[in-house]
Amino acid sequence: MYIGRFVVLGLTQEGQRFLGYRVSSRSFPDRRIAARDDRAAVLPTEDAKPTDNPYIAYNCLRTSGDTVVVANGSHVDPIIDKVAAGYPLRDAMALSLLAMDYEHDDYSTPRIVAGWERQTGYLGIVTPDKLVVRAVPLAPGQARLIATYELTEATELNCEGETAEALAEAVYNAPYEHPVAALAAIVDGTPSMAVLGP
């Protein structure tokens, strides 16, 4: 099944909070994820064909204090900017999704987001007919995803691992079609991030 890009919110078996993101694409597979200290970005690979599509390059992870957010587009920036300005994460997600709306491309692609604020995890989505931001309770060993296509409600995902590298591999190898690149970030303790892909 093809579900497009998806974000992941989870707890490891040891109870560590983590986030994941996977780029899955049939139309623009020539992309990679580049990680830095406080953010990660989806970028074209060096051999990618030129395109004027505004939705293929963007920050996909940002942090502010102990709040971390992953998303499938440029809405990650206003969300984390609002958090830095003092907004609760739920409000920052809802306001940014409402303001930016779904991607006005040929597929009316939803904008999706996952984030942790202290011990509360949230998933959010905006589509042509709904806007939802919801706290998602999790037990150790549980993870939920929300995707741009098909799985547009919080859906259980088997995502095993205790390191960012193992979690990135689990996100990349999730049983959905056309994986391109994946990221996982452990939020607890000293934050760590890993990417997998070209």
N, C-alpha and C. Protein backbone atom coordinates (compact mmCIF):
# COMPACT_ATOMS: atom_id res chain seq x y z
N MET A 1 0.85 -1.19 0.00
CA MET A 1 0.00 0.00 0.00
C MET A 1 0.89 1.24 0.00
N TYR A 2 0.51 2.23 -0.79
CA TYR A 2 1.24 3.49 -0.84
C TYR A 2 0.53 4.51 0.02
N ILE A 3 1.23 5.03 1.04
CA ILE A 3 0.62 6.00 1.94
C ILE A 3 1.33 7.36 1.89
N GLY A 4 2.32 7.49 1.00
CA GLY A 4 3.03 8.75 0.88
C GLY A 4 3.93 9.01 2.08
N ARG A 5 4.18 10.29 2.34
CA ARG A 5 5.01 10.67 3.48
C ARG A 5 4.25 10.39 4.79
N PHE A 6 5.01 10.06 5.84
CA PHE A 6 4.34 9.88 7.13
C PHE A 6 5.25 10.30 8.28
N VAL A 7 4.59 10.72 9.37
CA VAL A 7 5.28 11.08 10.62
C VAL A 7 4.95 10.02 11.66
N VAL A 8 5.86 9.86 12.63
CA VAL A 8 5.73 8.83 13.65
C VAL A 8 5.95 9.45 15.02
N LEU A 9 5.10 9.07 15.96
CA LEU A 9 5.20 9.46 17.37
C LEU A 9 5.27 8.18 18.18
N GLY A 10 6.27 8.05 19.06
CA GLY A 10 6.37 6.78 19.77
C GLY A 10 7.16 6.82 21.06
N LEU A 11 7.08 5.69 21.78
CA LEU A 11 7.90 5.42 22.95
C LEU A 11 8.62 4.09 22.70
N THR A 12 9.91 4.06 22.99
CA THR A 12 10.63 2.78 22.87
C THR A 12 10.20 1.85 24.00
N GLN A 13 10.66 0.61 23.92
CA GLN A 13 10.36 -0.35 24.99
C GLN A 13 10.85 0.15 26.34
N GLU A 14 11.94 0.92 26.34
CA GLU A 14 12.48 1.47 27.58
C GLU A 14 11.82 2.79 27.97
N GLY A 15 10.84 3.23 27.16
CA GLY A 15 10.09 4.43 27.51
C GLY A 15 10.67 5.73 27.00
N GLN A 16 11.65 5.67 26.10
CA GLN A 16 12.20 6.90 25.53
C GLN A 16 11.25 7.47 24.48
N ARG A 17 11.03 8.77 24.54
CA ARG A 17 10.19 9.42 23.54
C ARG A 17 10.97 9.56 22.23
N PHE A 18 10.29 9.29 21.10
CA PHE A 18 10.95 9.49 19.81
C PHE A 18 9.96 9.96 18.77
N LEU A 19 10.52 10.51 17.71
CA LEU A 19 9.77 10.92 16.53
C LEU A 19 10.41 10.31 15.30
N GLY A 20 9.60 10.09 14.28
CA GLY A 20 10.13 9.59 13.02
C GLY A 20 9.47 10.29 11.85
N TYR A 21 10.15 10.25 10.72
CA TYR A 21 9.60 10.81 9.48
C TYR A 21 10.14 10.02 8.31
N ARG A 22 9.24 9.70 7.36
CA ARG A 22 9.71 9.03 6.15
C ARG A 22 9.19 9.74 4.92
N VAL A 23 10.12 10.00 4.01
CA VAL A 23 9.76 10.46 2.67
C VAL A 23 9.50 9.23 1.83
N SER A 24 8.29 9.13 1.31
CA SER A 24 7.94 8.07 0.37
C SER A 24 7.40 8.78 -0.87
N SER A 25 7.83 8.39 -2.05
CA SER A 25 7.42 9.17 -3.21
C SER A 25 7.44 8.34 -4.48
N ARG A 26 6.39 8.52 -5.28
CA ARG A 26 6.37 7.97 -6.63
C ARG A 26 6.82 9.00 -7.64
N SER A 27 6.62 10.28 -7.34
CA SER A 27 6.87 11.35 -8.31
C SER A 27 8.25 12.00 -8.18
N PHE A 28 8.75 12.11 -6.93
CA PHE A 28 10.02 12.79 -6.69
C PHE A 28 10.91 11.95 -5.77
N PRO A 29 11.44 10.82 -6.28
CA PRO A 29 12.23 9.93 -5.43
C PRO A 29 13.66 10.42 -5.17
N ASP A 30 14.14 11.39 -5.92
CA ASP A 30 15.53 11.82 -5.82
C ASP A 30 15.71 12.85 -4.71
N ARG A 31 15.49 12.40 -3.46
CA ARG A 31 15.61 13.28 -2.31
C ARG A 31 16.34 12.59 -1.18
N ARG A 32 16.87 13.40 -0.28
CA ARG A 32 17.61 12.90 0.87
C ARG A 32 17.23 13.74 2.08
N ILE A 33 17.59 13.26 3.27
CA ILE A 33 17.40 14.03 4.50
C ILE A 33 18.77 14.37 5.05
N ALA A 34 19.00 15.65 5.29
CA ALA A 34 20.26 16.11 5.87
C ALA A 34 20.00 16.57 7.30
N ALA A 35 20.76 16.06 8.25
CA ALA A 35 20.56 16.36 9.67
C ALA A 35 21.63 17.31 10.18
N ARG A 36 21.21 18.28 11.01
CA ARG A 36 22.12 19.15 11.74
C ARG A 36 21.75 19.08 13.22
N ASP A 37 22.36 19.92 14.05
CA ASP A 37 22.17 19.80 15.49
C ASP A 37 20.71 19.94 15.91
N ASP A 38 20.03 20.97 15.43
CA ASP A 38 18.68 21.26 15.92
C ASP A 38 17.61 21.15 14.85
N ARG A 39 17.96 20.58 13.71
CA ARG A 39 16.98 20.48 12.62
C ARG A 39 17.43 19.45 11.60
N ALA A 40 16.50 19.09 10.73
CA ALA A 40 16.81 18.25 9.58
C ALA A 40 16.00 18.76 8.41
N ALA A 41 16.52 18.56 7.21
CA ALA A 41 15.87 19.09 6.01
C ALA A 41 15.80 18.03 4.93
N VAL A 42 14.69 18.03 4.20
CA VAL A 42 14.55 17.22 2.99
C VAL A 42 15.06 18.06 1.83
N LEU A 43 16.00 17.47 1.06
CA LEU A 43 16.64 18.19 -0.03
C LEU A 43 16.73 17.29 -1.26
N PRO A 44 16.79 17.87 -2.46
CA PRO A 44 17.03 17.05 -3.65
C PRO A 44 18.43 16.44 -3.58
N THR A 45 18.58 15.25 -4.14
CA THR A 45 19.92 14.67 -4.28
C THR A 45 20.68 15.45 -5.35
N GLU A 46 21.99 15.27 -5.39
CA GLU A 46 22.82 16.03 -6.33
C GLU A 46 22.45 15.75 -7.78
N ASP A 47 21.94 14.55 -8.07
CA ASP A 47 21.61 14.21 -9.45
C ASP A 47 20.11 14.35 -9.75
N ALA A 48 19.37 15.01 -8.87
CA ALA A 48 17.93 15.18 -9.09
C ALA A 48 17.67 16.11 -10.28
N LYS A 49 16.60 15.83 -11.00
CA LYS A 49 16.23 16.69 -12.12
C LYS A 49 15.68 18.00 -11.58
N PRO A 50 15.97 19.11 -12.27
CA PRO A 50 15.43 20.41 -11.83
C PRO A 50 13.90 20.39 -11.83
N THR A 51 13.31 21.07 -10.84
CA THR A 51 11.85 21.16 -10.77
C THR A 51 11.47 22.49 -10.11
N ASP A 52 10.30 23.00 -10.46
CA ASP A 52 9.81 24.21 -9.80
C ASP A 52 8.77 23.88 -8.74
N ASN A 53 8.65 22.61 -8.37
CA ASN A 53 7.70 22.20 -7.33
C ASN A 53 8.15 22.76 -5.98
N PRO A 54 7.32 23.57 -5.32
CA PRO A 54 7.74 24.20 -4.06
C PRO A 54 7.67 23.28 -2.85
N TYR A 55 7.17 22.05 -3.02
CA TYR A 55 6.90 21.19 -1.87
C TYR A 55 7.95 20.10 -1.66
N ILE A 56 9.01 20.08 -2.45
CA ILE A 56 9.93 18.94 -2.36
C ILE A 56 11.14 19.19 -1.47
N ALA A 57 11.40 20.43 -1.07
CA ALA A 57 12.51 20.74 -0.17
C ALA A 57 12.00 21.58 0.99
N TYR A 58 12.35 21.19 2.22
CA TYR A 58 11.81 21.86 3.41
C TYR A 58 12.50 21.31 4.65
N ASN A 59 12.47 22.09 5.72
CA ASN A 59 12.85 21.55 7.02
C ASN A 59 11.80 20.53 7.44
N CYS A 60 12.24 19.35 7.89
CA CYS A 60 11.27 18.33 8.34
C CYS A 60 11.36 18.08 9.83
N LEU A 61 12.36 18.64 10.52
CA LEU A 61 12.47 18.53 11.97
C LEU A 61 13.05 19.83 12.50
N ARG A 62 12.45 20.35 13.60
CA ARG A 62 12.97 21.52 14.31
C ARG A 62 12.79 21.30 15.79
N THR A 63 13.61 21.98 16.57
CA THR A 63 13.52 21.90 18.02
C THR A 63 13.46 23.30 18.62
N SER A 64 12.84 23.39 19.80
CA SER A 64 12.89 24.60 20.61
C SER A 64 12.83 24.16 22.07
N GLY A 65 13.91 24.33 22.79
CA GLY A 65 13.95 23.82 24.15
C GLY A 65 13.74 22.32 24.17
N ASP A 66 12.77 21.85 24.97
CA ASP A 66 12.50 20.41 25.02
C ASP A 66 11.36 20.00 24.09
N THR A 67 10.95 20.89 23.19
CA THR A 67 9.90 20.57 22.21
C THR A 67 10.55 20.23 20.88
N VAL A 68 10.11 19.12 20.30
CA VAL A 68 10.63 18.67 19.00
C VAL A 68 9.46 18.36 18.10
N VAL A 69 9.57 18.76 16.82
CA VAL A 69 8.48 18.59 15.86
C VAL A 69 9.04 18.01 14.57
N VAL A 70 8.30 17.06 13.97
CA VAL A 70 8.59 16.60 12.61
C VAL A 70 7.35 16.82 11.75
N ALA A 71 7.57 17.12 10.47
CA ALA A 71 6.45 17.41 9.59
C ALA A 71 6.85 17.18 8.15
N ASN A 72 5.85 17.13 7.28
CA ASN A 72 6.09 16.83 5.87
C ASN A 72 6.19 18.07 4.99
N GLY A 73 6.46 19.23 5.60
CA GLY A 73 6.55 20.44 4.78
C GLY A 73 7.00 21.63 5.59
N SER A 74 6.93 22.79 4.97
CA SER A 74 7.48 24.01 5.56
C SER A 74 6.70 24.49 6.78
N HIS A 75 5.57 23.87 7.11
CA HIS A 75 4.84 24.26 8.31
C HIS A 75 5.59 23.94 9.60
N VAL A 76 6.64 23.12 9.53
CA VAL A 76 7.43 22.85 10.73
C VAL A 76 8.04 24.14 11.26
N ASP A 77 8.37 25.09 10.38
CA ASP A 77 9.02 26.33 10.80
C ASP A 77 8.08 27.24 11.60
N PRO A 78 6.89 27.60 11.10
CA PRO A 78 6.02 28.43 11.93
C PRO A 78 5.56 27.73 13.21
N ILE A 79 5.45 26.41 13.19
CA ILE A 79 5.07 25.70 14.43
C ILE A 79 6.13 25.92 15.50
N ILE A 80 7.38 25.66 15.16
CA ILE A 80 8.43 25.78 16.18
C ILE A 80 8.70 27.24 16.52
N ASP A 81 8.49 28.16 15.58
CA ASP A 81 8.64 29.58 15.89
C ASP A 81 7.59 30.03 16.90
N LYS A 82 6.37 29.53 16.77
CA LYS A 82 5.32 29.86 17.74
C LYS A 82 5.63 29.26 19.11
N VAL A 83 6.15 28.03 19.13
CA VAL A 83 6.55 27.43 20.40
C VAL A 83 7.62 28.29 21.07
N ALA A 84 8.60 28.73 20.28
CA ALA A 84 9.68 29.57 20.83
C ALA A 84 9.14 30.89 21.37
N ALA A 85 8.00 31.35 20.80
CA ALA A 85 7.38 32.59 21.25
C ALA A 85 6.46 32.39 22.45
N GLY A 86 6.30 31.13 22.91
CA GLY A 86 5.53 30.88 24.11
C GLY A 86 4.21 30.16 23.92
N TYR A 87 3.84 29.82 22.68
CA TYR A 87 2.60 29.10 22.45
C TYR A 87 2.74 27.65 22.93
N PRO A 88 1.69 27.06 23.50
CA PRO A 88 1.68 25.61 23.71
C PRO A 88 1.77 24.90 22.36
N LEU A 89 2.36 23.70 22.35
CA LEU A 89 2.55 22.99 21.10
C LEU A 89 1.24 22.73 20.39
N ARG A 90 0.21 22.32 21.12
CA ARG A 90 -1.09 22.05 20.48
C ARG A 90 -1.58 23.26 19.71
N ASP A 91 -1.50 24.44 20.33
CA ASP A 91 -1.98 25.65 19.68
C ASP A 91 -1.11 26.03 18.50
N ALA A 92 0.21 25.88 18.66
CA ALA A 92 1.12 26.20 17.56
C ALA A 92 0.86 25.31 16.35
N MET A 93 0.60 24.02 16.60
CA MET A 93 0.30 23.10 15.50
C MET A 93 -1.01 23.49 14.83
N ALA A 94 -2.05 23.71 15.62
CA ALA A 94 -3.37 24.01 15.05
C ALA A 94 -3.36 25.31 14.26
N LEU A 95 -2.75 26.36 14.82
CA LEU A 95 -2.72 27.65 14.13
C LEU A 95 -1.93 27.57 12.83
N SER A 96 -0.81 26.87 12.84
CA SER A 96 0.03 26.79 11.64
C SER A 96 -0.62 25.94 10.56
N LEU A 97 -1.23 24.83 10.95
CA LEU A 97 -1.93 24.00 9.96
C LEU A 97 -3.10 24.76 9.35
N LEU A 98 -3.84 25.49 10.19
CA LEU A 98 -4.96 26.28 9.68
C LEU A 98 -4.48 27.36 8.72
N ALA A 99 -3.40 28.06 9.09
CA ALA A 99 -2.91 29.16 8.27
C ALA A 99 -2.34 28.68 6.94
N MET A 100 -1.61 27.56 6.95
CA MET A 100 -0.93 27.12 5.73
C MET A 100 -1.78 26.18 4.88
N ASP A 101 -2.75 25.51 5.52
CA ASP A 101 -3.69 24.65 4.81
C ASP A 101 -2.97 23.45 4.18
N TYR A 102 -3.72 22.59 3.51
CA TYR A 102 -3.12 21.46 2.80
C TYR A 102 -2.30 21.99 1.62
N GLU A 103 -1.45 21.12 1.07
CA GLU A 103 -0.64 21.52 -0.07
C GLU A 103 -1.53 21.61 -1.31
N HIS A 104 -1.51 22.74 -1.94
CA HIS A 104 -2.38 22.95 -3.10
C HIS A 104 -1.69 22.46 -4.37
N ASP A 105 -1.42 21.15 -4.38
CA ASP A 105 -0.82 20.49 -5.54
C ASP A 105 -1.88 19.67 -6.25
N ASP A 106 -1.45 18.83 -7.19
CA ASP A 106 -2.41 18.04 -7.97
C ASP A 106 -3.16 17.02 -7.12
N TYR A 107 -2.64 16.71 -5.93
CA TYR A 107 -3.23 15.66 -5.10
C TYR A 107 -3.88 16.22 -3.83
N SER A 108 -3.90 17.54 -3.67
CA SER A 108 -4.41 18.14 -2.42
C SER A 108 -3.78 17.45 -1.21
N THR A 109 -2.46 17.32 -1.25
CA THR A 109 -1.74 16.56 -0.23
C THR A 109 -1.91 17.18 1.15
N PRO A 110 -2.33 16.40 2.14
CA PRO A 110 -2.44 16.92 3.51
C PRO A 110 -1.09 17.34 4.07
N ARG A 111 -1.12 18.29 4.98
CA ARG A 111 0.04 18.58 5.82
C ARG A 111 -0.12 17.77 7.11
N ILE A 112 0.95 17.12 7.53
CA ILE A 112 0.93 16.28 8.72
C ILE A 112 2.06 16.70 9.65
N VAL A 113 1.90 16.43 10.94
CA VAL A 113 2.91 16.82 11.93
C VAL A 113 2.81 15.93 13.15
N ALA A 114 3.97 15.67 13.77
CA ALA A 114 4.04 14.98 15.06
C ALA A 114 4.99 15.75 15.95
N GLY A 115 4.72 15.79 17.24
CA GLY A 115 5.61 16.51 18.14
C GLY A 115 5.47 16.09 19.58
N TRP A 116 6.54 16.31 20.33
CA TRP A 116 6.54 16.10 21.77
C TRP A 116 6.74 17.43 22.48
N GLU A 117 5.90 17.69 23.48
CA GLU A 117 6.07 18.81 24.39
C GLU A 117 6.08 18.23 25.79
N ARG A 118 7.26 18.23 26.43
CA ARG A 118 7.44 17.53 27.69
C ARG A 118 6.97 16.07 27.52
N GLN A 119 6.03 15.59 28.33
CA GLN A 119 5.64 14.18 28.24
C GLN A 119 4.38 13.96 27.39
N THR A 120 3.92 14.97 26.69
CA THR A 120 2.72 14.84 25.87
C THR A 120 3.09 14.85 24.39
N GLY A 121 2.60 13.83 23.67
CA GLY A 121 2.83 13.74 22.24
C GLY A 121 1.57 14.07 21.46
N TYR A 122 1.76 14.75 20.33
CA TYR A 122 0.64 15.18 19.50
C TYR A 122 0.83 14.73 18.07
N LEU A 123 -0.29 14.43 17.41
CA LEU A 123 -0.33 14.24 15.97
C LEU A 123 -1.32 15.23 15.39
N GLY A 124 -1.01 15.78 14.21
CA GLY A 124 -1.90 16.74 13.57
C GLY A 124 -1.94 16.54 12.06
N ILE A 125 -3.07 16.95 11.47
CA ILE A 125 -3.25 16.84 10.02
C ILE A 125 -4.26 17.89 9.57
N VAL A 126 -4.02 18.46 8.39
CA VAL A 126 -5.01 19.28 7.73
C VAL A 126 -5.19 18.76 6.30
N THR A 127 -6.44 18.54 5.92
CA THR A 127 -6.81 18.05 4.60
C THR A 127 -7.85 19.02 4.02
N PRO A 128 -8.33 18.79 2.81
CA PRO A 128 -9.37 19.67 2.28
C PRO A 128 -10.65 19.67 3.12
N ASP A 129 -10.87 18.66 3.98
CA ASP A 129 -12.12 18.62 4.72
C ASP A 129 -11.99 18.43 6.23
N LYS A 130 -10.75 18.51 6.77
CA LYS A 130 -10.63 18.40 8.22
C LYS A 130 -9.32 19.01 8.72
N LEU A 131 -9.35 19.42 9.97
CA LEU A 131 -8.17 19.88 10.70
C LEU A 131 -8.24 19.24 12.07
N VAL A 132 -7.25 18.40 12.39
CA VAL A 132 -7.24 17.68 13.66
C VAL A 132 -5.86 17.80 14.29
N VAL A 133 -5.80 18.17 15.55
CA VAL A 133 -4.59 18.12 16.37
C VAL A 133 -4.98 17.41 17.65
N ARG A 134 -4.32 16.32 17.94
CA ARG A 134 -4.78 15.46 19.04
C ARG A 134 -3.61 14.95 19.86
N ALA A 135 -3.74 15.02 21.20
CA ALA A 135 -2.79 14.36 22.08
C ALA A 135 -2.98 12.85 21.95
N VAL A 136 -1.87 12.12 21.88
CA VAL A 136 -1.93 10.67 21.64
C VAL A 136 -1.24 9.96 22.80
N PRO A 137 -2.02 9.34 23.71
CA PRO A 137 -1.39 8.60 24.82
C PRO A 137 -0.73 7.33 24.29
N LEU A 138 0.48 7.06 24.81
CA LEU A 138 1.24 5.89 24.37
C LEU A 138 1.80 5.17 25.59
N ALA A 139 1.91 3.85 25.49
CA ALA A 139 2.61 3.04 26.47
C ALA A 139 3.98 2.69 25.89
N PRO A 140 4.96 2.33 26.74
CA PRO A 140 6.26 1.92 26.21
C PRO A 140 6.12 0.82 25.16
N GLY A 141 6.86 0.99 24.06
CA GLY A 141 6.80 0.04 22.96
C GLY A 141 5.75 0.36 21.92
N GLN A 142 4.98 1.42 22.10
CA GLN A 142 3.94 1.78 21.14
C GLN A 142 4.37 2.96 20.29
N ALA A 143 3.90 2.96 19.04
CA ALA A 143 4.12 4.08 18.12
C ALA A 143 2.88 4.23 17.25
N ARG A 144 2.62 5.45 16.83
CA ARG A 144 1.52 5.76 15.92
C ARG A 144 2.05 6.59 14.79
N LEU A 145 1.49 6.38 13.61
CA LEU A 145 1.83 7.20 12.46
C LEU A 145 0.58 7.88 11.93
N ILE A 146 0.81 8.94 11.19
CA ILE A 146 -0.24 9.55 10.39
C ILE A 146 0.40 9.90 9.06
N ALA A 147 -0.31 9.61 7.96
CA ALA A 147 0.27 9.70 6.62
C ALA A 147 -0.54 10.64 5.74
N THR A 148 0.06 10.99 4.61
CA THR A 148 -0.61 11.91 3.69
C THR A 148 -1.73 11.22 2.91
N TYR A 149 -1.61 9.92 2.69
CA TYR A 149 -2.64 9.18 1.94
C TYR A 149 -3.05 7.92 2.71
N GLU A 150 -4.29 7.54 2.55
CA GLU A 150 -4.84 6.30 3.11
C GLU A 150 -4.91 6.32 4.64
N LEU A 151 -3.78 6.39 5.32
CA LEU A 151 -3.76 6.31 6.78
C LEU A 151 -3.72 7.72 7.37
N THR A 152 -4.84 8.43 7.24
CA THR A 152 -4.91 9.82 7.68
C THR A 152 -5.48 9.97 9.09
N GLU A 153 -5.60 8.86 9.80
CA GLU A 153 -5.91 8.83 11.23
C GLU A 153 -4.74 8.14 11.92
N ALA A 154 -4.57 8.40 13.23
CA ALA A 154 -3.48 7.77 13.97
C ALA A 154 -3.56 6.25 13.83
N THR A 155 -2.47 5.65 13.35
CA THR A 155 -2.43 4.22 13.02
C THR A 155 -1.23 3.58 13.71
N GLU A 156 -1.46 2.42 14.31
CA GLU A 156 -0.38 1.72 15.02
C GLU A 156 0.74 1.33 14.06
N LEU A 157 1.97 1.47 14.53
CA LEU A 157 3.15 1.08 13.75
C LEU A 157 4.10 0.31 14.65
N ASN A 158 4.58 -0.84 14.16
CA ASN A 158 5.59 -1.60 14.88
C ASN A 158 6.94 -0.95 14.59
N CYS A 159 7.54 -0.35 15.61
CA CYS A 159 8.75 0.43 15.41
C CYS A 159 9.71 0.13 16.56
N GLU A 160 10.51 -0.93 16.41
CA GLU A 160 11.36 -1.39 17.50
C GLU A 160 12.75 -0.79 17.39
N GLY A 161 13.33 -0.53 18.56
CA GLY A 161 14.70 -0.01 18.61
C GLY A 161 14.86 0.89 19.82
N GLU A 162 16.10 1.00 20.29
CA GLU A 162 16.39 1.87 21.43
C GLU A 162 17.39 2.96 21.07
N THR A 163 17.87 2.96 19.81
CA THR A 163 18.77 4.01 19.35
C THR A 163 18.13 4.72 18.17
N ALA A 164 18.59 5.94 17.90
CA ALA A 164 18.06 6.67 16.75
C ALA A 164 18.32 5.91 15.46
N GLU A 165 19.48 5.26 15.36
CA GLU A 165 19.82 4.52 14.15
C GLU A 165 18.87 3.35 13.92
N ALA A 166 18.57 2.59 14.98
CA ALA A 166 17.66 1.45 14.85
C ALA A 166 16.25 1.91 14.53
N LEU A 167 15.84 3.02 15.14
CA LEU A 167 14.49 3.53 14.87
C LEU A 167 14.37 4.08 13.46
N ALA A 168 15.42 4.74 12.96
CA ALA A 168 15.40 5.23 11.57
C ALA A 168 15.28 4.06 10.60
N GLU A 169 15.97 2.97 10.90
CA GLU A 169 15.87 1.78 10.05
C GLU A 169 14.46 1.20 10.11
N ALA A 170 13.85 1.17 11.29
CA ALA A 170 12.49 0.65 11.42
C ALA A 170 11.49 1.52 10.66
N VAL A 171 11.66 2.84 10.72
CA VAL A 171 10.77 3.75 9.99
C VAL A 171 10.96 3.56 8.49
N TYR A 172 12.20 3.47 8.05
CA TYR A 172 12.47 3.29 6.61
C TYR A 172 11.87 1.98 6.10
N ASN A 173 11.97 0.93 6.92
CA ASN A 173 11.52 -0.40 6.48
C ASN A 173 10.07 -0.70 6.82
N ALA A 174 9.31 0.30 7.28
CA ALA A 174 7.88 0.09 7.52
C ALA A 174 7.23 -0.43 6.23
N PRO A 175 6.23 -1.30 6.35
CA PRO A 175 5.72 -2.04 5.19
C PRO A 175 4.81 -1.23 4.27
N TYR A 176 5.32 -0.11 3.79
CA TYR A 176 4.57 0.73 2.86
C TYR A 176 5.46 1.05 1.67
N GLU A 177 4.84 1.29 0.53
CA GLU A 177 5.58 1.34 -0.74
C GLU A 177 6.37 2.63 -0.93
N HIS A 178 7.42 2.51 -1.76
CA HIS A 178 8.23 3.62 -2.27
C HIS A 178 8.97 4.43 -1.21
N PRO A 179 9.70 3.76 -0.29
CA PRO A 179 10.51 4.52 0.66
C PRO A 179 11.65 5.24 -0.06
N VAL A 180 11.94 6.44 0.38
CA VAL A 180 13.02 7.24 -0.20
C VAL A 180 14.08 7.55 0.85
N ALA A 181 13.66 8.09 1.99
CA ALA A 181 14.59 8.43 3.07
C ALA A 181 13.80 8.47 4.37
N ALA A 182 14.51 8.26 5.49
CA ALA A 182 13.84 8.25 6.79
C ALA A 182 14.72 8.91 7.83
N LEU A 183 14.05 9.38 8.87
CA LEU A 183 14.70 10.03 10.00
C LEU A 183 14.06 9.53 11.28
N ALA A 184 14.86 9.42 12.34
CA ALA A 184 14.33 9.18 13.68
C ALA A 184 15.11 10.03 14.66
N ALA A 185 14.42 10.54 15.66
CA ALA A 185 15.06 11.36 16.69
C ALA A 185 14.56 10.90 18.05
N ILE A 186 15.48 10.60 18.95
CA ILE A 186 15.15 10.32 20.34
C ILE A 186 15.17 11.64 21.09
N VAL A 187 14.10 11.90 21.81
CA VAL A 187 13.91 13.21 22.44
C VAL A 187 14.46 13.24 23.87
N ASP A 188 14.43 12.10 24.56
CA ASP A 188 14.82 12.07 25.97
C ASP A 188 16.33 12.12 26.15
N GLY A 189 16.74 12.60 27.33
CA GLY A 189 18.15 12.66 27.66
C GLY A 189 18.88 13.59 26.70
N THR A 190 20.03 13.13 26.21
CA THR A 190 20.74 13.87 25.18
C THR A 190 20.10 13.53 23.85
N PRO A 191 19.40 14.48 23.20
CA PRO A 191 18.71 14.16 21.95
C PRO A 191 19.67 13.62 20.91
N SER A 192 19.21 12.64 20.17
CA SER A 192 20.03 12.07 19.10
C SER A 192 19.16 11.87 17.87
N MET A 193 19.77 11.95 16.71
CA MET A 193 19.06 11.89 15.46
C MET A 193 19.85 11.03 14.48
N ALA A 194 19.11 10.27 13.64
CA ALA A 194 19.75 9.47 12.60
C ALA A 194 18.90 9.52 11.35
N VAL A 195 19.56 9.46 10.19
CA VAL A 195 18.85 9.44 8.92
C VAL A 195 19.30 8.22 8.12
N LEU A 196 18.43 7.80 7.23
CA LEU A 196 18.71 6.65 6.38
C LEU A 196 18.18 6.97 4.99
N GLY A 197 18.95 6.63 3.98
CA GLY A 197 18.52 6.90 2.61
C GLY A 197 19.72 7.27 1.76
N PRO A 198 19.45 7.82 0.59
CA PRO A 198 20.56 8.14 -0.34
C PRO A 198 21.47 9.23 0.22
